[in-house]
Structures are given as C-alpha cells and as structure tokens.
Amino acid sequence: MAVGVGDGSDAGEARLWGVLLVVGAVVSAYFCCYLFTVMLPTTMREYREYRAAAVCSDPVPAGPAEDCLRTVTFTVRDTVVEGRRGLLPRRHVRFEATLSGTRYWNGVVAFGDPGPVLRQLRTGDRVGGVVWRGAVTRLVRYDDEQATADEPRDEPQMFAGLGVTAALLAALALGFGVLRLVRPDDLGPWTWRPVGRWLLGIVLVAGLGWAYGALLLHVPWQAVAPVAVALTALMSAVLFTVRRLRRRRAPATPGDVRQPR
C-alpha cells in the first residue's frame, strides 16, 4: 500500500489520495481484526486438535474426513521439484507429488521444500501417507518423514505479526490520508519523500521481521504485537531525530526552497 504516492501540490489530487488512503486504512484494519479474531484462534485450535488426535482404530475408513490419524499407502504417479535455495526471491517454486491408489485422498499434495521424502520419490514408488480430516498431512518413507503444506503448524507468531503489521499500516495510512483531506496544501514532511517510505519500511521490519524472529526464537505469540509497536515507535523516533540533526547541520542556501515529492 502506497503511503504517499501522489502527494503533489494540487489540492484536488491530494484530497483524492487522502480518500484512497483512508479507504486503505479501513481495509487494513478489517484484515487485522480478521487475523486476530478468526485466523489466529482457528489455526491454534486445529494444531491442538491435530496433536491430540489418536490413531484410527477401525481398519476401514468411515469416510474421507476422519478426526483420527490414519496411515494409508499411496502410489506415486508424478513429482514436481522446481525451485532453488538461496536468499534471492524464487519464481515458479513448486514442490508437489501426485498420489493415487486409495479409496479417498488421491490427488496432488504440496510441500514447502523438496526434502527429505519428496526428493527421493520416483514414479511407481509406494509411500505411506498420514491422513487427517480429509487431508494428507505427512508422507512417510522408510525412516524419513516430511510434512505437507496441509499439516497444521504451531506458528501463531506469523499470524500475530501479520495482524499487527496490518494495524500499523492502517494507522499510517489513516494519518497520511486525513492530513491530505484536512491540509492538502500544507503536507510538510508527511510525504512519500522524505518520511513516508521510511515509515513504511519501519512498519514492515518491526511487524513481519520481528514476527519471523519470534518464530525462530520460540517467543510466545502474545509478545509479537507489543514488541512490534515498541520497535515501530523507537525506530520512528530515531528517524525523526536524525532528520532534525541533519536540518540543523545543513548550511542555509539563499533562495533554496525544497518542495516535497
């Protein structure tokens, strides 16, 4: 979401962008509420239920969706391993296996990475699959196991990070939008340059960056939002302090009038 695009001197254009930013703030706030009230509790509940599920006692499946864990044997029809490791963004990343040979659950199963099971599968191989509530959650081959994309995960930190990031973006967009509606001809420093893009970067780093760090460090998800807000406030204060010091040190040039971009 652009935070200052279109901050030109024209008052009508500024008001138009103000309306768009306010609408974007409302959408972002709704997304934040949805993540915290629906997605986060749902994923946490599913993970607890999956971990507590018992092995199916009946040898004959009652249907495609059972609350117990059932291990069945699939035949591999095809595999797709497209992607490469590295820090750069990856395009056309696909890790999939096409499975068949059971009464239910046949089809394409997706993975987040190629190993350790997917990379060794070949057409015609037999592989065990753990099924829960109609989805293949794990493949088992010899002593190796690999979770599929449908296996419930204990990653509430990322949902909390997305939620607090959406909230911070909503506040940022609302502030920039209201300013354009109230004072379209006097935006001051509140434009994409010099502070808009920096504030956007701060929000993304403090929200998503910290959430990923909390996931790796096993920090409780309840700490994600308050720490993200504190980091945003701290980094924003540093940003404005640095700008203030630079303005004081910059030599005054007669006739130098800088317009915000």
Protein backbone atom coordinates (compact mmCIF):
# COMPACT_ATOMS: atom_id res chain seq x y z
CA MET A 1 0.00 0.00 0.00
CA ALA A 2 1.50 3.31 -1.07
CA VAL A 3 1.75 5.76 1.74
CA GLY A 4 2.45 8.95 -0.10
CA VAL A 5 2.05 8.43 -3.79
CA GLY A 6 0.50 11.41 -5.40
CA ASP A 7 1.48 14.00 -2.79
CA GLY A 8 1.61 16.69 -5.50
CA SER A 9 0.81 20.35 -4.84
CA ASP A 10 -2.62 20.15 -6.43
CA ALA A 11 -5.20 20.18 -3.63
CA GLY A 12 -7.72 18.08 -5.53
CA GLU A 13 -5.18 15.38 -6.24
CA ALA A 14 -4.04 15.41 -2.63
CA ARG A 15 -7.63 15.00 -1.40
CA LEU A 16 -8.19 12.14 -3.82
CA TRP A 17 -5.16 10.32 -2.45
CA GLY A 18 -6.38 11.16 1.03
CA VAL A 19 -9.66 9.35 0.37
CA LEU A 20 -7.84 6.35 -1.10
CA LEU A 21 -5.52 6.16 1.89
CA VAL A 22 -8.41 6.34 4.35
CA VAL A 23 -10.19 3.53 2.48
CA GLY A 24 -6.97 1.52 2.51
CA ALA A 25 -6.70 2.10 6.25
CA VAL A 26 -10.21 0.71 6.78
CA VAL A 27 -9.42 -2.39 4.70
CA SER A 28 -6.16 -2.92 6.55
CA ALA A 29 -7.88 -2.55 9.92
CA TYR A 30 -10.50 -5.12 8.90
CA PHE A 31 -7.74 -7.51 7.83
CA CYS A 32 -6.09 -7.03 11.23
CA CYS A 33 -9.33 -7.88 13.08
CA TYR A 34 -9.89 -10.93 10.87
CA LEU A 35 -6.40 -12.26 11.57
CA PHE A 36 -6.65 -11.83 15.34
CA THR A 37 -10.27 -12.93 15.80
CA VAL A 38 -10.62 -15.68 13.17
CA MET A 39 -7.37 -16.94 11.61
CA LEU A 40 -5.19 -16.99 14.74
CA PRO A 41 -7.68 -18.84 17.01
CA THR A 42 -8.62 -21.24 14.22
CA THR A 43 -5.06 -22.27 13.40
CA MET A 44 -4.16 -22.66 17.07
CA ARG A 45 -7.23 -24.81 17.70
CA GLU A 46 -6.54 -27.00 14.65
CA TYR A 47 -2.94 -27.54 15.75
CA ARG A 48 -4.02 -28.61 19.24
CA GLU A 49 -6.64 -30.97 17.83
CA TYR A 50 -4.17 -32.44 15.36
CA ARG A 51 -1.58 -33.06 18.05
CA ALA A 52 -4.21 -34.66 20.30
CA ALA A 53 -5.73 -36.86 17.55
CA ALA A 54 -5.48 -40.61 18.14
CA VAL A 55 -4.70 -43.30 15.60
CA CYS A 56 -7.82 -44.65 13.87
CA SER A 57 -8.95 -47.89 15.47
CA ASP A 58 -11.27 -49.03 12.68
CA PRO A 59 -9.32 -50.60 9.79
CA VAL A 60 -11.99 -49.49 7.30
CA PRO A 61 -12.28 -45.72 6.74
CA ALA A 62 -15.69 -44.31 7.66
CA GLY A 63 -15.31 -41.58 5.06
CA PRO A 64 -12.84 -39.14 3.54
CA ALA A 65 -12.77 -36.88 6.60
CA GLU A 66 -11.99 -38.56 9.92
CA ASP A 67 -10.90 -36.92 13.18
CA CYS A 68 -8.39 -39.70 13.82
CA LEU A 69 -4.98 -40.23 12.21
CA ARG A 70 -4.97 -42.89 9.51
CA THR A 71 -1.89 -44.12 7.67
CA VAL A 72 -2.55 -45.36 4.14
CA THR A 73 -0.33 -46.47 1.28
CA PHE A 74 -0.16 -44.39 -1.90
CA THR A 75 1.37 -44.99 -5.30
CA VAL A 76 3.42 -42.09 -6.64
CA ARG A 77 2.22 -41.02 -10.09
CA ASP A 78 4.36 -37.93 -10.54
CA THR A 79 6.56 -35.49 -8.65
CA VAL A 80 7.45 -31.86 -9.31
CA VAL A 81 10.51 -30.28 -7.72
CA GLU A 82 11.04 -26.79 -9.09
CA GLY A 83 12.94 -24.17 -7.15
CA ARG A 84 16.32 -23.36 -5.75
CA ARG A 85 17.67 -22.46 -2.37
CA GLY A 86 19.10 -19.06 -1.60
CA LEU A 87 18.29 -15.61 -0.25
CA LEU A 88 17.01 -14.19 -3.51
CA PRO A 89 13.28 -14.43 -4.32
CA ARG A 90 12.34 -17.64 -6.09
CA ARG A 91 9.98 -17.85 -9.04
CA HIS A 92 7.96 -20.83 -10.17
CA VAL A 93 8.64 -22.71 -6.94
CA ARG A 94 6.68 -25.97 -6.88
CA PHE A 95 7.14 -28.97 -4.64
CA GLU A 96 4.37 -31.45 -5.37
CA ALA A 97 3.61 -35.16 -5.53
CA THR A 98 0.67 -36.76 -7.33
CA LEU A 99 -0.62 -39.72 -5.32
CA SER A 100 -3.18 -42.42 -6.07
CA GLY A 101 -4.19 -45.94 -5.05
CA THR A 102 -6.58 -45.28 -2.16
CA ARG A 103 -10.33 -45.02 -1.87
CA TYR A 104 -10.09 -41.38 -0.83
CA TRP A 105 -7.39 -38.69 -0.66
CA ASN A 106 -5.92 -39.23 -4.16
CA GLY A 107 -4.53 -36.17 -5.90
CA VAL A 108 -1.77 -33.58 -5.73
CA VAL A 109 -0.03 -32.97 -2.41
CA ALA A 110 2.02 -29.79 -1.95
CA PHE A 111 5.15 -29.27 0.18
CA GLY A 112 7.17 -26.31 1.35
CA ASP A 113 10.53 -27.79 0.36
CA PRO A 114 11.94 -30.81 -1.53
CA GLY A 115 13.14 -32.97 1.31
CA PRO A 116 13.68 -35.38 2.82
CA VAL A 117 10.91 -37.56 1.34
CA LEU A 118 9.81 -35.74 -1.82
CA ARG A 119 13.26 -35.59 -3.36
CA GLN A 120 13.67 -39.36 -3.25
CA LEU A 121 10.26 -40.27 -4.69
CA ARG A 122 10.01 -41.69 -8.21
CA THR A 123 7.03 -42.67 -10.36
CA GLY A 124 5.66 -46.01 -9.24
CA ASP A 125 7.07 -45.83 -5.70
CA ARG A 126 4.91 -46.78 -2.74
CA VAL A 127 4.81 -44.30 0.11
CA GLY A 128 2.89 -44.05 3.36
CA GLY A 129 0.65 -41.09 3.98
CA VAL A 130 -0.89 -39.82 7.22
CA VAL A 131 -4.43 -38.56 6.67
CA TRP A 132 -6.43 -36.30 8.99
CA ARG A 133 -9.80 -34.70 8.26
CA GLY A 134 -9.57 -35.44 4.56
CA ALA A 135 -6.08 -34.03 4.00
CA VAL A 136 -2.72 -35.75 3.62
CA THR A 137 -0.66 -34.16 6.38
CA ARG A 138 2.56 -36.20 6.24
CA LEU A 139 4.39 -38.66 4.00
CA VAL A 140 6.48 -41.49 5.45
CA ARG A 141 9.11 -43.47 3.52
CA TYR A 142 11.41 -45.82 5.40
CA ASP A 143 12.80 -43.79 8.31
CA ASP A 144 12.09 -40.39 6.76
CA GLU A 145 9.03 -38.22 7.28
CA GLN A 146 8.00 -34.97 5.66
CA ALA A 147 5.12 -32.66 6.50
CA THR A 148 2.88 -31.45 3.69
CA ALA A 149 1.52 -27.94 3.25
CA ASP A 150 -1.78 -29.12 4.80
CA GLU A 151 -0.32 -30.21 8.13
CA PRO A 152 -1.40 -27.84 10.97
CA ARG A 153 1.58 -25.92 12.30
CA ASP A 154 2.40 -24.19 15.54
CA GLU A 155 3.22 -20.80 14.01
CA PRO A 156 0.92 -18.25 15.71
CA GLN A 157 3.75 -15.70 15.74
CA MET A 158 3.40 -15.14 12.00
CA PHE A 159 -0.36 -14.57 12.21
CA ALA A 160 0.20 -12.14 15.08
CA GLY A 161 2.91 -10.42 13.03
CA LEU A 162 0.62 -10.08 10.03
CA GLY A 163 -2.12 -8.73 12.27
CA VAL A 164 -0.02 -6.08 13.98
CA THR A 165 1.56 -5.10 10.65
CA ALA A 166 -1.92 -4.58 9.21
CA ALA A 167 -2.83 -2.46 12.24
CA LEU A 168 0.30 -0.32 11.92
CA LEU A 169 -0.28 0.12 8.18
CA ALA A 170 -3.86 1.16 8.92
CA ALA A 171 -2.66 3.80 11.39
CA LEU A 172 -0.02 5.02 8.95
CA ALA A 173 -2.42 5.24 6.03
CA LEU A 174 -5.08 6.92 8.17
CA GLY A 175 -2.65 9.59 9.36
CA PHE A 176 -1.36 10.38 5.88
CA GLY A 177 -4.86 10.25 4.43
CA VAL A 178 -6.51 12.54 7.00
CA LEU A 179 -3.67 15.06 6.59
CA ARG A 180 -4.33 15.20 2.84
CA LEU A 181 -8.02 15.78 3.46
CA VAL A 182 -7.56 18.45 6.12
CA ARG A 183 -4.43 20.26 4.86
CA PRO A 184 -3.92 19.35 1.19
CA ASP A 185 -1.74 22.40 0.56
CA ASP A 186 0.47 22.06 3.64
CA LEU A 187 1.74 18.49 3.95
CA GLY A 188 5.06 19.41 5.49
CA PRO A 189 7.37 16.41 5.72
CA TRP A 190 4.46 13.95 5.59
CA THR A 191 5.02 12.85 2.01
CA TRP A 192 6.42 9.71 0.37
CA ARG A 193 9.73 11.52 0.49
CA PRO A 194 11.28 12.16 2.90
CA VAL A 195 9.45 10.20 5.63
CA GLY A 196 6.70 8.12 4.05
CA ARG A 197 8.85 5.41 2.56
CA TRP A 198 10.98 5.21 5.71
CA LEU A 199 7.93 4.80 7.93
CA LEU A 200 6.58 2.09 5.65
CA GLY A 201 9.88 0.23 5.84
CA ILE A 202 9.93 0.57 9.62
CA VAL A 203 6.42 -0.91 9.91
CA LEU A 204 7.31 -3.90 7.73
CA VAL A 205 10.55 -4.60 9.57
CA ALA A 206 9.04 -4.15 13.03
CA GLY A 207 5.97 -6.23 12.21
CA LEU A 208 6.93 -9.02 9.83
CA GLY A 209 10.65 -9.07 10.58
CA TRP A 210 10.16 -9.32 14.32
CA ALA A 211 7.39 -11.94 13.90
CA TYR A 212 9.72 -14.18 11.92
CA GLY A 213 12.44 -13.69 14.53
CA ALA A 214 9.96 -14.54 17.29
CA LEU A 215 9.05 -17.73 15.44
CA LEU A 216 12.68 -18.80 15.14
CA LEU A 217 13.40 -17.93 18.80
CA HIS A 218 10.17 -19.57 20.05
CA VAL A 219 8.98 -16.32 21.63
CA PRO A 220 5.30 -16.53 22.71
CA TRP A 221 2.97 -15.03 20.12
CA GLN A 222 1.47 -12.70 22.73
CA ALA A 223 4.77 -10.76 22.74
CA VAL A 224 4.76 -10.10 18.99
CA ALA A 225 2.30 -7.20 18.89
CA PRO A 226 3.58 -5.12 21.84
CA VAL A 227 7.22 -5.53 20.82
CA ALA A 228 6.38 -4.63 17.21
CA VAL A 229 4.61 -1.45 18.33
CA ALA A 230 7.53 -0.55 20.60
CA LEU A 231 10.05 -1.15 17.81
CA THR A 232 8.00 0.99 15.44
CA ALA A 233 7.88 3.84 17.95
CA LEU A 234 11.60 3.55 18.71
CA MET A 235 12.75 3.42 15.08
CA SER A 236 10.38 6.25 14.14
CA ALA A 237 11.82 8.39 16.94
CA VAL A 238 15.33 7.66 15.69
CA LEU A 239 14.27 8.58 12.15
CA PHE A 240 12.89 11.99 13.16
CA THR A 241 15.84 12.66 15.46
CA VAL A 242 18.29 12.03 12.62
CA ARG A 243 16.27 14.27 10.29
CA ARG A 244 16.23 17.05 12.88
CA LEU A 245 20.01 16.84 13.37
CA ARG A 246 20.62 16.89 9.62
CA ARG A 247 18.48 20.00 9.18
CA ARG A 248 20.41 21.78 11.91
CA ARG A 249 23.77 20.91 10.37
CA ALA A 250 22.77 21.67 6.77
CA PRO A 251 24.03 25.12 5.62
CA ALA A 252 21.28 27.51 4.64
CA THR A 253 21.25 28.40 0.95
CA PRO A 254 19.53 31.65 -0.09
CA GLY A 255 16.55 31.02 -2.28
CA ASP A 256 16.65 27.29 -1.68
CA VAL A 257 13.05 26.21 -1.32
CA ARG A 258 12.57 22.48 -1.30
CA GLN A 259 9.19 21.13 -2.28
CA PRO A 260 8.08 17.71 -1.07
CA ARG A 261 7.87 14.99 -3.65
